[in-house]
Amino acid sequence: MEIVSISLTMVVWAGVLVMLMQAGFALVATGLCRARNAAQVISMNLLIYVFSVLGFWVCGFALLSGGWSGTCGTPVSQWSIHLFGHSFGLMGTSGFFLSSPGTEPAAYSWFFLLAVVISLAAVIPAGVMAERWKMASVVMYGMVAAALPLAVFGHWVWGGGWLAQLGQNLGLGHGFVDFAGSSVVHAAGGMIGLMGAIAIGPRLGKYSRDGRPRPIAGHNLVYVVAGSLLLAAGWFGFNVGPSFFTDASRAPIIAVNTMLASAAGAAAACALVTVKFRKPDPSMVCNGLLAGLVAVSGSCPFVNPTGAILTGGVAGFLVVHAVLFFEGTMKVDDPMGALSVHGVGGTWGVLSLGLVADGSFGAGWNGAPEKAGVAGAFATLFGGPANDWGQLGAQIIGALTCLISLGLVAWLWFKVSARIVPLRTRREDELGGLDLPEVGAECYPDFHLTDKGSSRPE
């Protein structure tokens, strides 16, 4: 009983670290935006957290977990469909308003950790749509995102749903595996952000008449670097926390893999951006750091340190190219580079598990019949006993499901919600600064603010 109490206490402290990631994300988003919008940008982050936690309490926890049965990932009740002699779980059906746990401490620990984790997924679009998203629309979104689409997809992966059952039902490895949220949090949040950015359009002055992107510099790199390091510190809670529900002995290797992947991502981004632009842009190095963290979140207990460095290093390489691709080729305005960090990094993260997981951990994961641990297609190169191409197949299915399902739901949400509340701020407010029109407060009232990062729209 004492050991159980210690584990649950560690879960709570892990959740506290994850909560600090909200502060880190808010600093990064605010620092990469212009000073005249700083109060509005940081307020978006605050309100999405507030309303997503409440929405998760109302129905998100029930839809994701289906209540609590004392075992992580085992729902009390689940709505399933039956095909080809197998049951495929779609969503949980009990635990609304946190009604089912009773007095079981483990249930509240699980809710607390899930609530802060899912709220991080909900806040990612705030970075993508910053400097033009209307606050009333932000609040509406915050009430819905964690309560419905993110929770349902979370059930498919973490709640014993159909993606987790791919190993049992179709013999694809151990089913779709995402330990801490490369897809459930990051790729999902990134995809919602992509649909939002397409719906809302770029910031005024971002593109010239011939379609070339103009640089719009953020106002405070100190916020960006400090926020990134705060995120990196909180990430140890994000990745280590779930291990106290599965196997606490994996906590040390998870922590080491998390650290190594972040360093490898930052180093790769630094090297690439220096080669391309002759200068180690600090914001891009921070993006590489975060992309490495995002990518390793899904695989952190299943890979060895070499696999973690490879996962993070590739993520850092991808994030630089992705930022340039979204901005230059797709004409998607993303002030934070959040699509590249979270969307691309998260997608690579779950795919990389299917490649480099070494089979040292995860025997019976997701109820799969295999006796060995979770292994990727090239497990033997990383010291594993055998390769498992079926696991890569499950990861591909899970990644595509995340991008397609969340993309469709987000596209519908932004189209429908825009008919109720305008999605975008007024043109004159965007040109003059959103702080006073949107939140009634300025971040820098004692300073004369100038915009050196862009021209007036043509």
Protein backbone atom coordinates (compact mmCIF):
# COMPACT_ATOMS: atom_id res chain seq x y z
CA MET A 1 0.00 0.00 0.00
CA GLU A 2 2.87 2.38 0.83
CA ILE A 3 4.52 1.73 -2.54
CA VAL A 4 1.22 2.43 -4.31
CA SER A 5 0.82 5.71 -2.43
CA ILE A 6 4.35 6.77 -3.40
CA SER A 7 3.63 6.00 -7.08
CA LEU A 8 0.41 8.02 -7.04
CA THR A 9 2.19 10.92 -5.38
CA MET A 10 4.81 10.80 -8.12
CA VAL A 11 2.02 10.91 -10.72
CA VAL A 12 0.68 14.08 -9.13
CA TRP A 13 4.12 15.70 -9.13
CA ALA A 14 4.59 14.64 -12.75
CA GLY A 15 1.30 16.39 -13.50
CA VAL A 16 2.59 19.52 -11.80
CA LEU A 17 5.62 19.49 -14.11
CA VAL A 18 3.30 19.07 -17.09
CA MET A 19 1.27 22.03 -15.85
CA LEU A 20 4.45 24.15 -15.96
CA MET A 21 4.69 23.31 -19.67
CA GLN A 22 1.67 25.57 -20.17
CA ALA A 23 3.78 28.46 -18.89
CA GLY A 24 6.63 27.48 -21.19
CA PHE A 25 4.35 27.26 -24.21
CA ALA A 26 2.80 30.64 -23.38
CA LEU A 27 6.24 32.26 -23.16
CA VAL A 28 7.36 30.79 -26.47
CA ALA A 29 4.16 31.85 -28.24
CA THR A 30 4.26 35.37 -26.80
CA GLY A 31 7.95 35.86 -27.51
CA LEU A 32 7.58 34.85 -31.15
CA CYS A 33 4.73 37.33 -31.68
CA ARG A 34 4.84 41.11 -31.84
CA ALA A 35 4.78 43.26 -28.72
CA ARG A 36 1.49 44.93 -29.66
CA ASN A 37 -0.29 41.56 -29.40
CA ALA A 38 1.54 40.08 -26.40
CA ALA A 39 -1.31 40.38 -23.87
CA GLN A 40 -3.82 38.86 -26.29
CA VAL A 41 -1.55 35.95 -27.24
CA ILE A 42 -0.74 34.96 -23.67
CA SER A 43 -4.42 35.34 -22.73
CA MET A 44 -5.37 32.85 -25.45
CA ASN A 45 -3.05 30.30 -23.87
CA LEU A 46 -4.49 30.94 -20.43
CA LEU A 47 -8.15 30.66 -21.45
CA ILE A 48 -7.70 27.55 -23.56
CA TYR A 49 -6.12 25.84 -20.56
CA VAL A 50 -8.94 26.93 -18.26
CA PHE A 51 -11.80 25.85 -20.47
CA SER A 52 -10.17 22.67 -21.76
CA VAL A 53 -9.70 21.41 -18.19
CA LEU A 54 -13.36 22.09 -17.43
CA GLY A 55 -14.46 20.44 -20.66
CA PHE A 56 -12.32 17.42 -19.89
CA TRP A 57 -14.02 17.16 -16.49
CA VAL A 58 -17.48 17.34 -18.07
CA CYS A 59 -17.05 14.56 -20.63
CA GLY A 60 -13.48 14.28 -21.90
CA PHE A 61 -12.35 11.92 -19.13
CA ALA A 62 -15.38 9.70 -19.65
CA LEU A 63 -14.95 9.52 -23.43
CA LEU A 64 -11.21 8.85 -23.15
CA SER A 65 -11.09 6.46 -20.20
CA GLY A 66 -14.64 5.21 -19.82
CA GLY A 67 -14.29 5.58 -16.07
CA TRP A 68 -11.74 3.71 -14.00
CA SER A 69 -11.22 0.05 -13.21
CA GLY A 70 -7.89 0.26 -11.40
CA THR A 71 -5.80 -0.48 -14.50
CA CYS A 72 -4.51 2.18 -16.85
CA GLY A 73 -6.07 1.77 -20.28
CA THR A 74 -8.84 -0.59 -19.14
CA PRO A 75 -12.21 1.18 -19.37
CA VAL A 76 -15.13 0.41 -17.11
CA SER A 77 -17.52 0.78 -20.02
CA GLN A 78 -16.92 1.22 -23.71
CA TRP A 79 -19.03 1.70 -26.82
CA SER A 80 -17.73 -0.75 -29.42
CA ILE A 81 -18.64 -2.05 -32.85
CA HIS A 82 -18.27 -5.71 -33.82
CA LEU A 83 -16.71 -6.61 -37.15
CA PHE A 84 -15.30 -9.92 -38.44
CA GLY A 85 -15.68 -11.49 -35.04
CA HIS A 86 -13.74 -8.78 -33.22
CA SER A 87 -14.73 -5.88 -31.00
CA PHE A 88 -13.38 -2.42 -31.89
CA GLY A 89 -13.69 0.19 -29.12
CA LEU A 90 -14.81 3.68 -30.14
CA MET A 91 -15.26 5.65 -26.91
CA GLY A 92 -15.86 5.38 -23.20
CA THR A 93 -19.37 5.68 -21.81
CA SER A 94 -18.98 6.32 -18.07
CA GLY A 95 -17.23 8.77 -15.77
CA PHE A 96 -18.94 11.97 -16.89
CA PHE A 97 -18.32 14.84 -14.46
CA LEU A 98 -15.77 12.53 -12.80
CA SER A 99 -18.66 10.61 -11.28
CA SER A 100 -17.39 7.03 -11.31
CA PRO A 101 -14.09 6.99 -9.39
CA GLY A 102 -15.69 7.22 -5.96
CA THR A 103 -12.88 7.54 -3.45
CA GLU A 104 -10.18 5.65 -5.33
CA PRO A 105 -7.03 7.84 -5.30
CA ALA A 106 -5.59 6.23 -8.43
CA ALA A 107 -8.56 7.42 -10.47
CA TYR A 108 -8.02 11.02 -9.43
CA SER A 109 -4.30 10.76 -10.18
CA TRP A 110 -5.12 9.43 -13.65
CA PHE A 111 -7.63 12.21 -14.25
CA PHE A 112 -5.19 14.89 -13.07
CA LEU A 113 -2.40 13.70 -15.34
CA LEU A 114 -4.71 13.26 -18.34
CA ALA A 115 -6.32 16.68 -17.85
CA VAL A 116 -3.04 18.59 -17.92
CA VAL A 117 -1.74 16.49 -20.82
CA ILE A 118 -4.83 16.87 -23.02
CA SER A 119 -4.99 20.59 -22.26
CA LEU A 120 -1.53 20.86 -23.85
CA ALA A 121 -2.89 19.36 -27.06
CA ALA A 122 -5.74 21.87 -27.00
CA VAL A 123 -3.42 24.87 -26.67
CA ILE A 124 -1.17 24.07 -29.66
CA PRO A 125 -3.45 25.78 -32.23
CA ALA A 126 -3.11 29.02 -30.24
CA GLY A 127 0.48 29.22 -31.42
CA VAL A 128 -0.42 28.46 -35.01
CA MET A 129 -3.29 30.98 -35.20
CA ALA A 130 -1.71 33.68 -33.06
CA GLU A 131 -2.09 37.41 -33.78
CA ARG A 132 -5.43 37.12 -35.60
CA TRP A 133 -7.70 34.68 -33.68
CA LYS A 134 -10.69 36.36 -32.02
CA MET A 135 -10.99 35.75 -28.27
CA ALA A 136 -14.67 34.76 -28.33
CA SER A 137 -13.84 32.02 -30.85
CA VAL A 138 -10.87 30.95 -28.71
CA VAL A 139 -13.14 30.41 -25.70
CA MET A 140 -15.63 28.37 -27.75
CA TYR A 141 -12.83 26.21 -29.07
CA GLY A 142 -11.35 25.72 -25.60
CA MET A 143 -14.63 24.38 -24.24
CA VAL A 144 -14.92 21.76 -27.00
CA ALA A 145 -11.43 20.57 -28.00
CA ALA A 146 -10.44 18.56 -24.92
CA ALA A 147 -14.01 17.50 -24.20
CA LEU A 148 -14.71 15.82 -27.53
CA PRO A 149 -12.28 15.24 -30.45
CA LEU A 150 -9.04 14.97 -28.49
CA ALA A 151 -10.70 12.75 -25.89
CA VAL A 152 -12.19 10.38 -28.45
CA PHE A 153 -8.89 9.97 -30.30
CA GLY A 154 -7.21 9.52 -26.92
CA HIS A 155 -9.58 6.63 -26.22
CA TRP A 156 -8.61 4.92 -29.44
CA VAL A 157 -4.96 4.94 -28.31
CA TRP A 158 -4.89 5.09 -24.49
CA GLY A 159 -8.35 3.90 -23.49
CA GLY A 160 -8.31 0.43 -25.01
CA GLY A 161 -9.88 1.61 -28.28
CA TRP A 162 -9.61 0.17 -31.76
CA LEU A 163 -6.13 1.49 -32.56
CA ALA A 164 -4.76 -0.09 -29.39
CA GLN A 165 -6.56 -3.31 -30.37
CA LEU A 166 -4.82 -3.64 -33.75
CA GLY A 167 -2.43 -6.18 -32.23
CA GLN A 168 -5.20 -8.31 -30.75
CA ASN A 169 -7.58 -8.07 -33.69
CA LEU A 170 -5.32 -7.88 -36.74
CA GLY A 171 -2.00 -9.19 -35.45
CA LEU A 172 -0.17 -5.91 -36.07
CA GLY A 173 2.52 -5.94 -33.41
CA HIS A 174 1.24 -4.67 -30.08
CA GLY A 175 -1.33 -2.42 -31.72
CA PHE A 176 -0.78 1.30 -32.15
CA VAL A 177 1.63 2.44 -29.42
CA ASP A 178 2.06 6.02 -28.24
CA PHE A 179 3.39 6.10 -24.71
CA ALA A 180 3.18 9.77 -23.72
CA GLY A 181 1.47 11.49 -26.64
CA SER A 182 3.47 12.09 -29.83
CA SER A 183 0.17 11.61 -31.68
CA VAL A 184 -2.55 11.98 -29.03
CA VAL A 185 -1.17 15.36 -27.94
CA HIS A 186 1.22 16.77 -30.51
CA ALA A 187 0.24 15.49 -33.95
CA ALA A 188 -3.43 15.90 -33.01
CA GLY A 189 -2.94 19.47 -31.79
CA GLY A 190 -0.82 20.28 -34.82
CA MET A 191 -3.44 18.99 -37.23
CA ILE A 192 -6.15 21.06 -35.56
CA GLY A 193 -3.84 24.05 -35.82
CA LEU A 194 -3.24 23.42 -39.53
CA MET A 195 -6.96 23.41 -40.28
CA GLY A 196 -7.39 26.55 -38.18
CA ALA A 197 -4.55 28.35 -39.95
CA ILE A 198 -6.03 27.50 -43.35
CA ALA A 199 -9.47 28.68 -42.24
CA ILE A 200 -8.28 31.93 -40.68
CA GLY A 201 -5.67 32.89 -43.29
CA PRO A 202 -2.25 34.52 -42.82
CA ARG A 203 -1.52 37.66 -40.82
CA LEU A 204 -1.85 40.96 -42.67
CA GLY A 205 1.42 41.78 -44.38
CA LYS A 206 2.84 38.25 -44.15
CA TYR A 207 2.87 37.69 -47.92
CA SER A 208 3.63 40.12 -50.71
CA ARG A 209 1.53 40.35 -53.83
CA ASP A 210 3.73 37.82 -55.61
CA GLY A 211 3.24 35.34 -52.74
CA ARG A 212 6.67 35.64 -51.17
CA PRO A 213 6.67 35.36 -47.37
CA ARG A 214 7.85 38.38 -45.42
CA PRO A 215 9.65 37.95 -42.10
CA ILE A 216 7.64 39.05 -39.06
CA ALA A 217 10.07 38.98 -36.17
CA GLY A 218 9.00 38.04 -32.68
CA HIS A 219 9.53 40.67 -30.00
CA ASN A 220 11.38 38.76 -27.26
CA LEU A 221 13.87 35.94 -27.83
CA VAL A 222 14.51 35.75 -24.08
CA TYR A 223 10.91 34.55 -23.65
CA VAL A 224 11.43 32.03 -26.44
CA VAL A 225 14.60 30.48 -25.02
CA ALA A 226 13.41 30.58 -21.39
CA GLY A 227 10.04 29.13 -22.37
CA SER A 228 11.68 26.34 -24.38
CA LEU A 229 13.87 25.37 -21.45
CA LEU A 230 10.85 25.45 -19.13
CA LEU A 231 9.04 23.17 -21.56
CA ALA A 232 12.05 20.84 -21.64
CA ALA A 233 12.04 20.64 -17.83
CA GLY A 234 8.30 19.97 -17.70
CA TRP A 235 8.71 17.29 -20.35
CA PHE A 236 10.30 14.99 -17.80
CA GLY A 237 6.95 14.91 -16.03
CA PHE A 238 5.14 14.53 -19.34
CA ASN A 239 7.14 11.45 -20.38
CA VAL A 240 7.95 9.90 -17.02
CA GLY A 241 4.49 10.34 -15.43
CA PRO A 242 2.70 7.49 -17.25
CA SER A 243 5.41 5.03 -16.18
CA PHE A 244 4.06 5.10 -12.62
CA PHE A 245 0.90 3.44 -13.95
CA THR A 246 2.79 0.85 -15.99
CA ASP A 247 6.31 0.08 -14.79
CA ALA A 248 8.08 2.66 -12.60
CA SER A 249 11.41 0.92 -13.19
CA ARG A 250 11.42 2.46 -16.69
CA ALA A 251 11.44 6.01 -15.29
CA PRO A 252 15.26 6.43 -15.41
CA ILE A 253 15.62 5.29 -19.03
CA ILE A 254 12.65 7.46 -20.01
CA ALA A 255 14.28 10.50 -18.42
CA VAL A 256 17.63 9.82 -20.13
CA ASN A 257 16.00 9.22 -23.52
CA THR A 258 13.99 12.42 -23.16
CA MET A 259 17.10 14.47 -22.42
CA LEU A 260 19.18 12.93 -25.22
CA ALA A 261 16.45 13.34 -27.85
CA SER A 262 16.00 17.02 -27.01
CA ALA A 263 19.73 17.68 -27.22
CA ALA A 264 20.00 15.79 -30.50
CA GLY A 265 17.07 17.71 -31.97
CA ALA A 266 18.56 21.07 -30.99
CA ALA A 267 22.00 20.10 -32.31
CA ALA A 268 20.60 18.89 -35.64
CA ALA A 269 18.51 22.04 -36.13
CA CYS A 270 21.47 24.23 -35.15
CA ALA A 271 23.77 22.53 -37.64
CA LEU A 272 21.28 22.62 -40.50
CA VAL A 273 20.20 26.23 -40.04
CA THR A 274 23.84 27.33 -39.76
CA VAL A 275 24.67 25.59 -43.03
CA LYS A 276 21.62 27.08 -44.78
CA PHE A 277 21.71 30.62 -43.39
CA ARG A 278 25.24 30.97 -41.94
CA LYS A 279 23.83 31.81 -38.49
CA PRO A 280 22.51 29.58 -35.65
CA ASP A 281 19.06 31.18 -35.35
CA PRO A 282 18.09 30.73 -31.65
CA SER A 283 14.39 30.34 -32.38
CA MET A 284 15.10 27.51 -34.81
CA VAL A 285 17.44 25.82 -32.33
CA CYS A 286 14.60 25.99 -29.79
CA ASN A 287 12.26 24.46 -32.34
CA GLY A 288 14.73 21.63 -32.82
CA LEU A 289 14.92 21.09 -29.06
CA LEU A 290 11.14 20.89 -28.80
CA ALA A 291 10.77 18.73 -31.90
CA GLY A 292 13.14 16.18 -30.38
CA LEU A 293 11.03 16.12 -27.22
CA VAL A 294 7.81 15.76 -29.19
CA ALA A 295 9.18 12.90 -31.27
CA VAL A 296 10.56 10.83 -28.40
CA SER A 297 7.38 11.14 -26.31
CA GLY A 298 5.73 8.23 -28.10
CA SER A 299 8.67 5.85 -27.87
CA CYS A 300 10.66 6.92 -24.77
CA PRO A 301 10.35 3.64 -22.79
CA PHE A 302 10.69 1.40 -25.84
CA VAL A 303 14.00 2.61 -27.31
CA ASN A 304 17.60 2.64 -26.12
CA PRO A 305 19.66 5.86 -25.94
CA THR A 306 20.97 5.40 -29.48
CA GLY A 307 17.41 5.12 -30.77
CA ALA A 308 16.42 8.21 -28.78
CA ILE A 309 19.25 10.27 -30.26
CA LEU A 310 18.32 9.12 -33.77
CA THR A 311 14.67 9.95 -33.15
CA GLY A 312 15.46 13.43 -31.82
CA GLY A 313 18.12 14.19 -34.41
CA VAL A 314 15.83 13.38 -37.34
CA ALA A 315 13.10 15.50 -35.72
CA GLY A 316 15.47 18.46 -35.50
CA PHE A 317 16.39 18.03 -39.16
CA LEU A 318 12.75 17.75 -40.21
CA VAL A 319 11.57 20.78 -38.27
CA VAL A 320 13.80 23.20 -40.18
CA HIS A 321 12.61 21.93 -43.55
CA ALA A 322 8.99 21.80 -42.37
CA VAL A 323 9.00 25.44 -41.23
CA LEU A 324 10.26 26.53 -44.65
CA PHE A 325 7.78 24.24 -46.41
CA PHE A 326 4.69 25.43 -44.55
CA GLU A 327 5.64 29.10 -44.85
CA GLY A 328 7.01 29.16 -48.38
CA THR A 329 5.29 26.36 -50.30
CA MET A 330 1.94 25.91 -48.56
CA LYS A 331 1.58 29.61 -47.65
CA VAL A 332 0.45 28.69 -44.13
CA ASP A 333 1.33 31.41 -41.62
CA ASP A 334 2.49 29.82 -38.36
CA PRO A 335 4.21 32.35 -36.06
CA MET A 336 5.56 29.69 -33.68
CA GLY A 337 6.46 26.96 -36.12
CA ALA A 338 4.07 24.82 -34.07
CA LEU A 339 2.89 22.85 -37.09
CA SER A 340 6.45 21.75 -37.72
CA VAL A 341 7.37 21.09 -34.09
CA HIS A 342 4.19 19.33 -33.01
CA GLY A 343 2.52 18.12 -36.20
CA VAL A 344 5.57 16.92 -38.09
CA GLY A 345 7.55 16.01 -34.97
CA GLY A 346 4.65 14.07 -33.48
CA THR A 347 3.98 12.15 -36.69
CA TRP A 348 7.64 11.24 -37.03
CA GLY A 349 7.67 10.23 -33.36
CA VAL A 350 5.06 7.49 -33.68
CA LEU A 351 6.54 6.26 -36.95
CA SER A 352 10.03 6.14 -35.46
CA LEU A 353 8.77 3.80 -32.73
CA GLY A 354 7.80 1.36 -35.47
CA LEU A 355 11.37 1.54 -36.76
CA VAL A 356 13.75 1.67 -33.79
CA ALA A 357 11.93 0.19 -30.75
CA ASP A 358 14.32 -2.47 -29.44
CA GLY A 359 11.93 -4.98 -27.85
CA SER A 360 13.32 -4.52 -24.33
CA PHE A 361 10.01 -3.36 -22.84
CA GLY A 362 6.28 -3.68 -23.39
CA ALA A 363 5.56 -7.40 -23.34
CA GLY A 364 1.80 -7.82 -23.64
CA TRP A 365 1.29 -4.10 -24.28
CA ASN A 366 -2.28 -3.27 -25.28
CA GLY A 367 -3.23 -6.86 -24.50
CA ALA A 368 -1.42 -8.15 -27.59
CA PRO A 369 -0.62 -11.88 -27.52
CA GLU A 370 3.11 -11.43 -28.17
CA LYS A 371 5.33 -12.37 -25.24
CA ALA A 372 8.23 -10.16 -26.31
CA GLY A 373 8.43 -6.40 -25.87
CA VAL A 374 7.47 -3.76 -28.42
CA ALA A 375 9.93 -4.03 -31.33
CA GLY A 376 10.28 -2.03 -34.52
CA ALA A 377 11.08 -3.02 -38.07
CA PHE A 378 14.83 -2.56 -37.42
CA ALA A 379 14.94 -3.68 -33.79
CA THR A 380 17.93 -5.97 -34.32
CA LEU A 381 20.08 -3.01 -35.35
CA PHE A 382 19.48 -1.58 -31.87
CA GLY A 383 20.16 -4.77 -29.96
CA GLY A 384 16.66 -6.24 -30.12
CA PRO A 385 15.99 -9.97 -30.46
CA ALA A 386 13.80 -9.75 -33.58
CA ASN A 387 12.31 -7.28 -36.03
CA ASP A 388 8.56 -6.67 -36.15
CA TRP A 389 7.26 -5.09 -39.34
CA GLY A 390 3.71 -5.49 -38.05
CA GLN A 391 4.44 -2.85 -35.43
CA LEU A 392 5.43 -0.39 -38.14
CA GLY A 393 2.14 -1.16 -39.91
CA ALA A 394 0.19 -0.37 -36.76
CA GLN A 395 2.10 2.90 -36.33
CA ILE A 396 1.37 3.96 -39.92
CA ILE A 397 -2.34 3.25 -39.46
CA GLY A 398 -2.39 5.20 -36.20
CA ALA A 399 -0.56 8.19 -37.65
CA LEU A 400 -2.83 8.38 -40.69
CA THR A 401 -5.91 8.02 -38.51
CA CYS A 402 -4.76 10.88 -36.31
CA LEU A 403 -4.11 13.25 -39.20
CA ILE A 404 -7.25 12.39 -41.18
CA SER A 405 -9.77 12.18 -38.33
CA LEU A 406 -8.57 15.24 -36.42
CA GLY A 407 -8.16 17.16 -39.66
CA LEU A 408 -11.74 16.49 -40.76
CA VAL A 409 -13.22 17.28 -37.36
CA ALA A 410 -11.18 20.49 -37.05
CA TRP A 411 -12.13 21.63 -40.55
CA LEU A 412 -15.81 21.14 -39.73
CA TRP A 413 -15.44 22.88 -36.37
CA PHE A 414 -13.82 26.01 -37.76
CA LYS A 415 -16.33 26.22 -40.61
CA VAL A 416 -19.36 25.83 -38.33
CA SER A 417 -18.08 27.89 -35.38
CA ALA A 418 -17.23 30.79 -37.70
CA ARG A 419 -20.95 31.08 -38.46
CA ILE A 420 -21.65 31.55 -34.76
CA VAL A 421 -18.70 33.71 -33.71
CA PRO A 422 -16.26 35.38 -36.14
CA LEU A 423 -13.01 33.44 -36.32
CA ARG A 424 -10.77 36.38 -37.15
CA THR A 425 -10.23 39.74 -35.48
CA ARG A 426 -11.14 42.97 -37.24
CA ARG A 427 -8.65 44.33 -39.77
CA GLU A 428 -8.17 47.63 -37.97
CA ASP A 429 -7.55 45.86 -34.67
CA GLU A 430 -4.97 43.58 -36.24
CA LEU A 431 -3.12 46.53 -37.73
CA GLY A 432 -3.17 48.57 -34.54
CA GLY A 433 -2.63 45.79 -32.02
CA LEU A 434 -5.00 43.28 -30.43
CA ASP A 435 -4.27 43.85 -26.77
CA LEU A 436 -6.79 46.58 -25.98
CA PRO A 437 -9.53 45.58 -28.47
CA GLU A 438 -9.49 41.90 -27.51
CA VAL A 439 -8.52 41.71 -23.81
CA GLY A 440 -8.66 45.31 -22.59
CA ALA A 441 -5.09 45.33 -21.30
CA GLU A 442 -1.67 46.11 -22.74
CA CYS A 443 1.45 44.09 -22.02
CA TYR A 444 3.77 47.08 -22.42
CA PRO A 445 1.73 50.24 -21.63
CA ASP A 446 4.81 52.35 -20.81
CA PHE A 447 6.62 51.79 -24.09
CA HIS A 448 6.19 53.08 -27.62
CA LEU A 449 5.91 49.99 -29.78
CA THR A 450 7.21 49.77 -33.34
CA ASP A 451 6.81 46.97 -35.85
CA LYS A 452 10.15 46.29 -37.55
CA GLY A 453 9.25 42.83 -38.76
CA SER A 454 6.83 43.44 -41.63
CA SER A 455 5.53 45.97 -44.07
CA ARG A 456 2.03 47.30 -44.17
CA PRO A 457 -0.24 45.08 -46.28
CA GLU A 458 -0.33 46.05 -49.91
